[in-house]
PDB file of all heavy atoms in Angstrom:
ATOM      1  N   MET A   1     120.698  75.991 126.351  1.00  0.00           N
ATOM      2  CA  MET A   1     121.116  77.188 127.098  1.00  0.00           C
ATOM      3  C   MET A   1     121.608  76.814 128.485  1.00  0.00           C
ATOM      4  O   MET A   1     121.167  75.792 129.070  1.00  0.00           O
ATOM      5  CB  MET A   1     120.078  78.226 127.176  1.00  0.00           C
ATOM      6  CG  MET A   1     119.499  78.702 125.812  1.00  0.00           C
ATOM      7  SD  MET A   1     120.711  79.501 124.800  1.00  0.00           S
ATOM      8  CE  MET A   1     121.025  81.025 125.809  1.00  0.00           C
ATOM      9  N   GLY A   2     122.554  77.619 128.977  1.00  0.00           N
ATOM     10  CA  GLY A   2     123.017  77.327 130.315  1.00  0.00           C
ATOM     11  C   GLY A   2     123.484  78.531 131.039  1.00  0.00           C
ATOM     12  O   GLY A   2     123.698  79.611 130.476  1.00  0.00           O
ATOM     13  N   TRP A   3     123.608  78.396 132.366  1.00  0.00           N
ATOM     14  CA  TRP A   3     124.227  79.447 133.206  1.00  0.00           C
ATOM     15  C   TRP A   3     125.449  78.838 133.891  1.00  0.00           C
ATOM     16  O   TRP A   3     125.401  77.712 134.412  1.00  0.00           O
ATOM     17  CB  TRP A   3     123.195  79.889 134.281  1.00  0.00           C
ATOM     18  CG  TRP A   3     122.105  80.762 133.729  1.00  0.00           C
ATOM     19  CD1 TRP A   3     120.893  80.370 133.327  1.00  0.00           C
ATOM     20  CD2 TRP A   3     122.151  82.163 133.533  1.00  0.00           C
ATOM     21  NE1 TRP A   3     120.130  81.404 132.911  1.00  0.00           N
ATOM     22  CE2 TRP A   3     120.869  82.539 133.045  1.00  0.00           C
ATOM     23  CE3 TRP A   3     123.070  83.144 133.741  1.00  0.00           C
ATOM     24  CZ2 TRP A   3     120.562  83.838 132.735  1.00  0.00           C
ATOM     25  CZ3 TRP A   3     122.801  84.468 133.412  1.00  0.00           C
ATOM     26  CH2 TRP A   3     121.523  84.780 132.919  1.00  0.00           C
ATOM     27  N   PHE A   4     126.455  79.651 133.907  1.00  0.00           N
ATOM     28  CA  PHE A   4     127.679  79.333 134.653  1.00  0.00           C
ATOM     29  C   PHE A   4     128.026  80.496 135.592  1.00  0.00           C
ATOM     30  O   PHE A   4     127.420  81.544 135.481  1.00  0.00           O
ATOM     31  CB  PHE A   4     128.882  79.136 133.704  1.00  0.00           C
ATOM     32  CG  PHE A   4     128.884  77.847 132.947  1.00  0.00           C
ATOM     33  CD1 PHE A   4     127.924  77.623 131.944  1.00  0.00           C
ATOM     34  CD2 PHE A   4     129.892  76.921 133.159  1.00  0.00           C
ATOM     35  CE1 PHE A   4     127.934  76.412 131.231  1.00  0.00           C
ATOM     36  CE2 PHE A   4     129.856  75.654 132.482  1.00  0.00           C
ATOM     37  CZ  PHE A   4     128.868  75.471 131.519  1.00  0.00           C
ATOM     38  N   ARG A   5     128.892  80.241 136.521  1.00  0.00           N
ATOM     39  CA  ARG A   5     129.322  81.299 137.423  1.00  0.00           C
ATOM     40  C   ARG A   5     130.804  81.124 137.700  1.00  0.00           C
ATOM     41  O   ARG A   5     131.349  80.064 137.664  1.00  0.00           O
ATOM     42  CB  ARG A   5     128.503  81.377 138.714  1.00  0.00           C
ATOM     43  CG  ARG A   5     128.728  80.125 139.616  1.00  0.00           C
ATOM     44  CD  ARG A   5     127.758  80.194 140.823  1.00  0.00           C
ATOM     45  NE  ARG A   5     127.948  79.146 141.714  1.00  0.00           N
ATOM     46  CZ  ARG A   5     127.130  78.863 142.791  1.00  0.00           C
ATOM     47  NH1 ARG A   5     126.122  79.621 143.042  1.00  0.00           N
ATOM     48  NH2 ARG A   5     127.386  77.859 143.578  1.00  0.00           N
ATOM     49  N   GLN A   6     131.361  82.299 138.033  1.00  0.00           N
ATOM     50  CA  GLN A   6     132.818  82.331 138.409  1.00  0.00           C
ATOM     51  C   GLN A   6     132.984  83.270 139.590  1.00  0.00           C
ATOM     52  O   GLN A   6     132.776  84.448 139.442  1.00  0.00           O
ATOM     53  CB  GLN A   6     133.696  82.714 137.182  1.00  0.00           C
ATOM     54  CG  GLN A   6     135.167  82.582 137.427  1.00  0.00           C
ATOM     55  CD  GLN A   6     135.934  82.708 136.175  1.00  0.00           C
ATOM     56  OE1 GLN A   6     135.456  83.211 135.152  1.00  0.00           O
ATOM     57  NE2 GLN A   6     137.163  82.287 136.173  1.00  0.00           N
ATOM     58  N   ALA A   7     133.464  82.679 140.675  1.00  0.00           N
ATOM     59  CA  ALA A   7     133.779  83.472 141.861  1.00  0.00           C
ATOM     60  C   ALA A   7     135.258  83.936 141.753  1.00  0.00           C
ATOM     61  O   ALA A   7     136.093  83.258 141.080  1.00  0.00           O
ATOM     62  CB  ALA A   7     133.518  82.691 143.093  1.00  0.00           C
ATOM     63  N   PRO A   8     135.627  84.942 142.499  1.00  0.00           N
ATOM     64  CA  PRO A   8     136.992  85.416 142.459  1.00  0.00           C
ATOM     65  C   PRO A   8     137.975  84.325 142.854  1.00  0.00           C
ATOM     66  O   PRO A   8     137.807  83.724 143.847  1.00  0.00           O
ATOM     67  CB  PRO A   8     137.002  86.576 143.465  1.00  0.00           C
ATOM     68  CG  PRO A   8     135.601  87.047 143.453  1.00  0.00           C
ATOM     69  CD  PRO A   8     134.738  85.859 143.251  1.00  0.00           C
ATOM     70  N   GLY A   9     139.000  84.124 141.984  1.00  0.00           N
ATOM     71  CA  GLY A   9     140.041  83.112 142.302  1.00  0.00           C
ATOM     72  C   GLY A   9     139.591  81.666 142.034  1.00  0.00           C
ATOM     73  O   GLY A   9     140.356  80.784 142.370  1.00  0.00           O
ATOM     74  N   LYS A  10     138.378  81.516 141.458  1.00  0.00           N
ATOM     75  CA  LYS A  10     137.931  80.175 141.191  1.00  0.00           C
ATOM     76  C   LYS A  10     137.671  79.967 139.723  1.00  0.00           C
ATOM     77  O   LYS A  10     137.496  80.907 138.990  1.00  0.00           O
ATOM     78  CB  LYS A  10     136.697  79.817 142.019  1.00  0.00           C
ATOM     79  CG  LYS A  10     136.895  79.846 143.513  1.00  0.00           C
ATOM     80  CD  LYS A  10     135.699  79.358 144.265  1.00  0.00           C
ATOM     81  CE  LYS A  10     135.929  79.238 145.759  1.00  0.00           C
ATOM     82  NZ  LYS A  10     134.752  78.746 146.473  1.00  0.00           N
ATOM     83  N   GLU A  11     137.504  78.684 139.333  1.00  0.00           N
ATOM     84  CA  GLU A  11     137.218  78.390 137.916  1.00  0.00           C
ATOM     85  C   GLU A  11     135.725  78.619 137.690  1.00  0.00           C
ATOM     86  O   GLU A  11     134.913  78.535 138.606  1.00  0.00           O
ATOM     87  CB  GLU A  11     137.627  76.920 137.632  1.00  0.00           C
ATOM     88  CG  GLU A  11     139.121  76.702 137.665  1.00  0.00           C
ATOM     89  CD  GLU A  11     139.468  75.309 137.157  1.00  0.00           C
ATOM     90  OE1 GLU A  11     138.563  74.492 136.970  1.00  0.00           O
ATOM     91  OE2 GLU A  11     140.656  75.035 136.956  1.00  0.00           O
ATOM     92  N   ARG A  12     135.423  78.808 136.381  1.00  0.00           N
ATOM     93  CA  ARG A  12     134.046  78.924 136.033  1.00  0.00           C
ATOM     94  C   ARG A  12     133.338  77.563 136.189  1.00  0.00           C
ATOM     95  O   ARG A  12     133.919  76.551 135.760  1.00  0.00           O
ATOM     96  CB  ARG A  12     133.913  79.400 134.603  1.00  0.00           C
ATOM     97  CG  ARG A  12     132.515  79.828 134.189  1.00  0.00           C
ATOM     98  CD  ARG A  12     132.510  80.595 132.841  1.00  0.00           C
ATOM     99  NE  ARG A  12     133.327  81.738 132.821  1.00  0.00           N
ATOM    100  CZ  ARG A  12     133.312  82.663 131.846  1.00  0.00           C
ATOM    101  NH1 ARG A  12     132.561  82.483 130.759  1.00  0.00           N
ATOM    102  NH2 ARG A  12     134.086  83.731 131.906  1.00  0.00           N
ATOM    103  N   GLU A  13     132.157  77.590 136.825  1.00  0.00           N
ATOM    104  CA  GLU A  13     131.457  76.305 137.068  1.00  0.00           C
ATOM    105  C   GLU A  13     130.065  76.355 136.513  1.00  0.00           C
ATOM    106  O   GLU A  13     129.418  77.377 136.504  1.00  0.00           O
ATOM    107  CB  GLU A  13     131.438  76.008 138.566  1.00  0.00           C
ATOM    108  CG  GLU A  13     130.672  77.015 139.411  1.00  0.00           C
ATOM    109  CD  GLU A  13     130.563  76.640 140.858  1.00  0.00           C
ATOM    110  OE1 GLU A  13     131.072  75.554 141.245  1.00  0.00           O
ATOM    111  OE2 GLU A  13     129.927  77.363 141.611  1.00  0.00           O
ATOM    112  N   PHE A  14     129.596  75.131 136.174  1.00  0.00           N
ATOM    113  CA  PHE A  14     128.247  75.020 135.631  1.00  0.00           C
ATOM    114  C   PHE A  14     127.243  75.197 136.804  1.00  0.00           C
ATOM    115  O   PHE A  14     127.438  74.719 137.915  1.00  0.00           O
ATOM    116  CB  PHE A  14     128.076  73.604 135.098  1.00  0.00           C
ATOM    117  CG  PHE A  14     126.674  73.216 134.756  1.00  0.00           C
ATOM    118  CD1 PHE A  14     126.129  73.633 133.529  1.00  0.00           C
ATOM    119  CD2 PHE A  14     125.896  72.424 135.564  1.00  0.00           C
ATOM    120  CE1 PHE A  14     124.839  73.253 133.229  1.00  0.00           C
ATOM    121  CE2 PHE A  14     124.635  72.094 135.259  1.00  0.00           C
ATOM    122  CZ  PHE A  14     124.112  72.493 134.066  1.00  0.00           C
ATOM    123  N   VAL A  15     126.181  75.921 136.474  1.00  0.00           N
ATOM    124  CA  VAL A  15     125.094  76.184 137.477  1.00  0.00           C
ATOM    125  C   VAL A  15     123.853  75.515 137.054  1.00  0.00           C
ATOM    126  O   VAL A  15     123.272  74.708 137.879  1.00  0.00           O
ATOM    127  CB  VAL A  15     124.810  77.695 137.623  1.00  0.00           C
ATOM    128  CG1 VAL A  15     123.621  77.937 138.576  1.00  0.00           C
ATOM    129  CG2 VAL A  15     126.063  78.411 138.166  1.00  0.00           C
ATOM    130  N   ALA A  16     123.376  75.742 135.873  1.00  0.00           N
ATOM    131  CA  ALA A  16     122.117  75.169 135.386  1.00  0.00           C
ATOM    132  C   ALA A  16     122.071  75.119 133.893  1.00  0.00           C
ATOM    133  O   ALA A  16     122.717  75.935 133.255  1.00  0.00           O
ATOM    134  CB  ALA A  16     120.926  75.928 135.955  1.00  0.00           C
ATOM    135  N   GLY A  17     121.392  74.141 133.361  1.00  0.00           N
ATOM    136  CA  GLY A  17     121.223  74.061 131.910  1.00  0.00           C
ATOM    137  C   GLY A  17     119.808  73.653 131.518  1.00  0.00           C
ATOM    138  O   GLY A  17     119.096  73.083 132.329  1.00  0.00           O
ATOM    139  N   ILE A  18     119.435  74.024 130.319  1.00  0.00           N
ATOM    140  CA  ILE A  18     118.101  73.705 129.849  1.00  0.00           C
ATOM    141  C   ILE A  18     118.158  73.258 128.360  1.00  0.00           C
ATOM    142  O   ILE A  18     118.978  73.792 127.593  1.00  0.00           O
ATOM    143  CB  ILE A  18     117.171  74.950 130.027  1.00  0.00           C
ATOM    144  CG1 ILE A  18     115.684  74.548 129.774  1.00  0.00           C
ATOM    145  CG2 ILE A  18     117.563  76.111 129.171  1.00  0.00           C
ATOM    146  CD1 ILE A  18     114.724  75.624 130.297  1.00  0.00           C
ATOM    147  N   SER A  19     117.296  72.328 128.020  1.00  0.00           N
ATOM    148  CA  SER A  19     117.302  71.775 126.680  1.00  0.00           C
ATOM    149  C   SER A  19     116.732  72.780 125.669  1.00  0.00           C
ATOM    150  O   SER A  19     116.106  73.785 126.074  1.00  0.00           O
ATOM    151  CB  SER A  19     116.547  70.404 126.661  1.00  0.00           C
ATOM    152  OG  SER A  19     115.186  70.693 127.055  1.00  0.00           O
ATOM    153  N   ARG A  20     116.757  72.404 124.409  1.00  0.00           N
ATOM    154  CA  ARG A  20     116.205  73.289 123.382  1.00  0.00           C
ATOM    155  C   ARG A  20     114.766  73.597 123.526  1.00  0.00           C
ATOM    156  O   ARG A  20     114.277  74.691 123.320  1.00  0.00           O
ATOM    157  CB  ARG A  20     116.454  72.675 122.029  1.00  0.00           C
ATOM    158  CG  ARG A  20     117.851  72.501 121.607  1.00  0.00           C
ATOM    159  CD  ARG A  20     118.013  71.617 120.394  1.00  0.00           C
ATOM    160  NE  ARG A  20     119.372  71.581 119.912  1.00  0.00           N
ATOM    161  CZ  ARG A  20     119.770  70.579 119.082  1.00  0.00           C
ATOM    162  NH1 ARG A  20     119.010  69.651 118.660  1.00  0.00           N
ATOM    163  NH2 ARG A  20     121.065  70.614 118.681  1.00  0.00           N
ATOM    164  N   THR A  21     114.010  72.587 123.926  1.00  0.00           N
ATOM    165  CA  THR A  21     112.561  72.834 124.098  1.00  0.00           C
ATOM    166  C   THR A  21     112.189  73.303 125.471  1.00  0.00           C
ATOM    167  O   THR A  21     111.034  73.727 125.646  1.00  0.00           O
ATOM    168  CB  THR A  21     111.840  71.477 123.884  1.00  0.00           C
ATOM    169  OG1 THR A  21     112.215  70.536 124.919  1.00  0.00           O
ATOM    170  CG2 THR A  21     112.181  70.861 122.505  1.00  0.00           C
ATOM    171  N   GLY A  22     113.106  73.250 126.377  1.00  0.00           N
ATOM    172  CA  GLY A  22     112.755  73.672 127.772  1.00  0.00           C
ATOM    173  C   GLY A  22     112.253  72.521 128.660  1.00  0.00           C
ATOM    174  O   GLY A  22     111.970  72.686 129.806  1.00  0.00           O
ATOM    175  N   GLY A  23     112.081  71.392 128.015  1.00  0.00           N
ATOM    176  CA  GLY A  23     111.491  70.300 128.736  1.00  0.00           C
ATOM    177  C   GLY A  23     112.374  69.526 129.693  1.00  0.00           C
ATOM    178  O   GLY A  23     111.893  68.812 130.588  1.00  0.00           O
ATOM    179  N   THR A  24     113.709  69.752 129.553  1.00  0.00           N
ATOM    180  CA  THR A  24     114.619  69.083 130.413  1.00  0.00           C
ATOM    181  C   THR A  24     115.627  70.111 130.997  1.00  0.00           C
ATOM    182  O   THR A  24     116.128  70.996 130.257  1.00  0.00           O
ATOM    183  CB  THR A  24     115.433  68.056 129.682  1.00  0.00           C
ATOM    184  OG1 THR A  24     114.536  67.127 129.051  1.00  0.00           O
ATOM    185  CG2 THR A  24     116.414  67.297 130.559  1.00  0.00           C
ATOM    186  N   THR A  25     115.849  69.948 132.303  1.00  0.00           N
ATOM    187  CA  THR A  25     116.777  70.899 132.985  1.00  0.00           C
ATOM    188  C   THR A  25     117.737  70.033 133.832  1.00  0.00           C
ATOM    189  O   THR A  25     117.487  68.915 134.181  1.00  0.00           O
ATOM    190  CB  THR A  25     116.022  71.890 133.904  1.00  0.00           C
ATOM    191  OG1 THR A  25     115.267  71.170 134.868  1.00  0.00           O
ATOM    192  CG2 THR A  25     115.149  72.834 133.076  1.00  0.00           C
ATOM    193  N   HIS A  26     118.888  70.661 134.150  1.00  0.00           N
ATOM    194  CA  HIS A  26     119.854  70.051 134.997  1.00  0.00           C
ATOM    195  C   HIS A  26     120.519  71.107 135.848  1.00  0.00           C
ATOM    196  O   HIS A  26     120.756  72.230 135.384  1.00  0.00           O
ATOM    197  CB  HIS A  26     120.860  69.354 134.193  1.00  0.00           C
ATOM    198  CG  HIS A  26     121.823  68.492 134.936  1.00  0.00           C
ATOM    199  ND1 HIS A  26     121.523  67.261 135.460  1.00  0.00           N
ATOM    200  CD2 HIS A  26     123.138  68.730 135.342  1.00  0.00           C
ATOM    201  CE1 HIS A  26     122.578  66.736 136.176  1.00  0.00           C
ATOM    202  NE2 HIS A  26     123.571  67.656 136.124  1.00  0.00           N
ATOM    203  N   TYR A  27     120.840  70.761 137.087  1.00  0.00           N
ATOM    204  CA  TYR A  27     121.412  71.737 138.048  1.00  0.00           C
ATOM    205  C   TYR A  27     122.580  71.198 138.723  1.00  0.00           C
ATOM    206  O   TYR A  27     122.725  69.997 138.941  1.00  0.00           O
ATOM    207  CB  TYR A  27     120.362  72.087 139.124  1.00  0.00           C
ATOM    208  CG  TYR A  27     119.133  72.726 138.608  1.00  0.00           C
ATOM    209  CD1 TYR A  27     118.051  71.969 138.228  1.00  0.00           C
ATOM    210  CD2 TYR A  27     119.033  74.098 138.389  1.00  0.00           C
ATOM    211  CE1 TYR A  27     116.848  72.533 137.677  1.00  0.00           C
ATOM    212  CE2 TYR A  27     117.880  74.699 137.871  1.00  0.00           C
ATOM    213  CZ  TYR A  27     116.788  73.930 137.521  1.00  0.00           C
ATOM    214  OH  TYR A  27     115.720  74.521 136.993  1.00  0.00           O
ATOM    215  N   ALA A  28     123.490  72.069 139.102  1.00  0.00           N
ATOM    216  CA  ALA A  28     124.619  71.684 139.973  1.00  0.00           C
ATOM    217  C   ALA A  28     124.033  71.353 141.342  1.00  0.00           C
ATOM    218  O   ALA A  28     123.003  71.962 141.760  1.00  0.00           O
ATOM    219  CB  ALA A  28     125.599  72.820 140.075  1.00  0.00           C
ATOM    220  N   ASP A  29     124.660  70.414 142.020  1.00  0.00           N
ATOM    221  CA  ASP A  29     124.122  70.054 143.303  1.00  0.00           C
ATOM    222  C   ASP A  29     124.073  71.239 144.303  1.00  0.00           C
ATOM    223  O   ASP A  29     123.161  71.317 145.136  1.00  0.00           O
ATOM    224  CB  ASP A  29     125.036  68.950 143.933  1.00  0.00           C
ATOM    225  CG  ASP A  29     124.892  67.647 143.226  1.00  0.00           C
ATOM    226  OD1 ASP A  29     123.864  67.459 142.554  1.00  0.00           O
ATOM    227  OD2 ASP A  29     125.758  66.755 143.375  1.00  0.00           O
ATOM    228  N   SER A  30     124.954  72.187 144.151  1.00  0.00           N
ATOM    229  CA  SER A  30     125.026  73.296 145.092  1.00  0.00           C
ATOM    230  C   SER A  30     123.807  74.231 144.989  1.00  0.00           C
ATOM    231  O   SER A  30     123.552  75.032 145.928  1.00  0.00           O
ATOM    232  CB  SER A  30     126.350  74.088 144.856  1.00  0.00           C
ATOM    233  OG  SER A  30     126.386  74.555 143.530  1.00  0.00           O
ATOM    234  N   VAL A  31     123.093  74.118 143.839  1.00  0.00           N
ATOM    235  CA  VAL A  31     121.985  75.132 143.701  1.00  0.00           C
ATOM    236  C   VAL A  31     120.643  74.362 143.573  1.00  0.00           C
ATOM    237  O   VAL A  31     119.595  75.011 143.472  1.00  0.00           O
ATOM    238  CB  VAL A  31     122.172  76.013 142.450  1.00  0.00           C
ATOM    239  CG1 VAL A  31     123.531  76.753 142.554  1.00  0.00           C
ATOM    240  CG2 VAL A  31     122.068  75.234 141.140  1.00  0.00           C
ATOM    241  N   LYS A  32     120.699  73.098 143.484  1.00  0.00           N
ATOM    242  CA  LYS A  32     119.451  72.240 143.344  1.00  0.00           C
ATOM    243  C   LYS A  32     118.432  72.569 144.414  1.00  0.00           C
ATOM    244  O   LYS A  32     118.803  72.595 145.607  1.00  0.00           O
ATOM    245  CB  LYS A  32     119.815  70.784 143.326  1.00  0.00           C
ATOM    246  CG  LYS A  32     118.809  69.873 142.616  1.00  0.00           C
ATOM    247  CD  LYS A  32     119.386  68.490 142.457  1.00  0.00           C
ATOM    248  CE  LYS A  32     120.551  68.445 141.535  1.00  0.00           C
ATOM    249  NZ  LYS A  32     121.089  67.047 141.306  1.00  0.00           N
ATOM    250  N   GLY A  33     117.211  72.797 144.009  1.00  0.00           N
ATOM    251  CA  GLY A  33     116.140  73.180 144.984  1.00  0.00           C
ATOM    252  C   GLY A  33     116.036  74.663 145.276  1.00  0.00           C
ATOM    253  O   GLY A  33     115.096  75.064 145.906  1.00  0.00           O
ATOM    254  N   ARG A  34     117.075  75.428 144.862  1.00  0.00           N
ATOM    255  CA  ARG A  34     117.038  76.836 145.120  1.00  0.00           C
ATOM    256  C   ARG A  34     116.958  77.682 143.870  1.00  0.00           C
ATOM    257  O   ARG A  34     116.344  78.767 143.854  1.00  0.00           O
ATOM    258  CB  ARG A  34     118.281  77.322 145.918  1.00  0.00           C
ATOM    259  CG  ARG A  34     118.473  76.622 147.235  1.00  0.00           C
ATOM    260  CD  ARG A  34     119.602  77.208 147.979  1.00  0.00           C
ATOM    261  NE  ARG A  34     120.913  77.044 147.331  1.00  0.00           N
ATOM    262  CZ  ARG A  34     121.770  78.054 146.973  1.00  0.00           C
ATOM    263  NH1 ARG A  34     121.369  79.262 147.253  1.00  0.00           N
ATOM    264  NH2 ARG A  34     122.853  77.770 146.394  1.00  0.00           N
TER     265      ARG A  34
END
């Protein structure tokens, strides 16, 4: 599963993703830690 976002006038971008089991996650640098 994943989350993306799209701001006005911009392309859709990856925000965060999670594996099937939930054991692994990955974040865009812009949101990491938040």
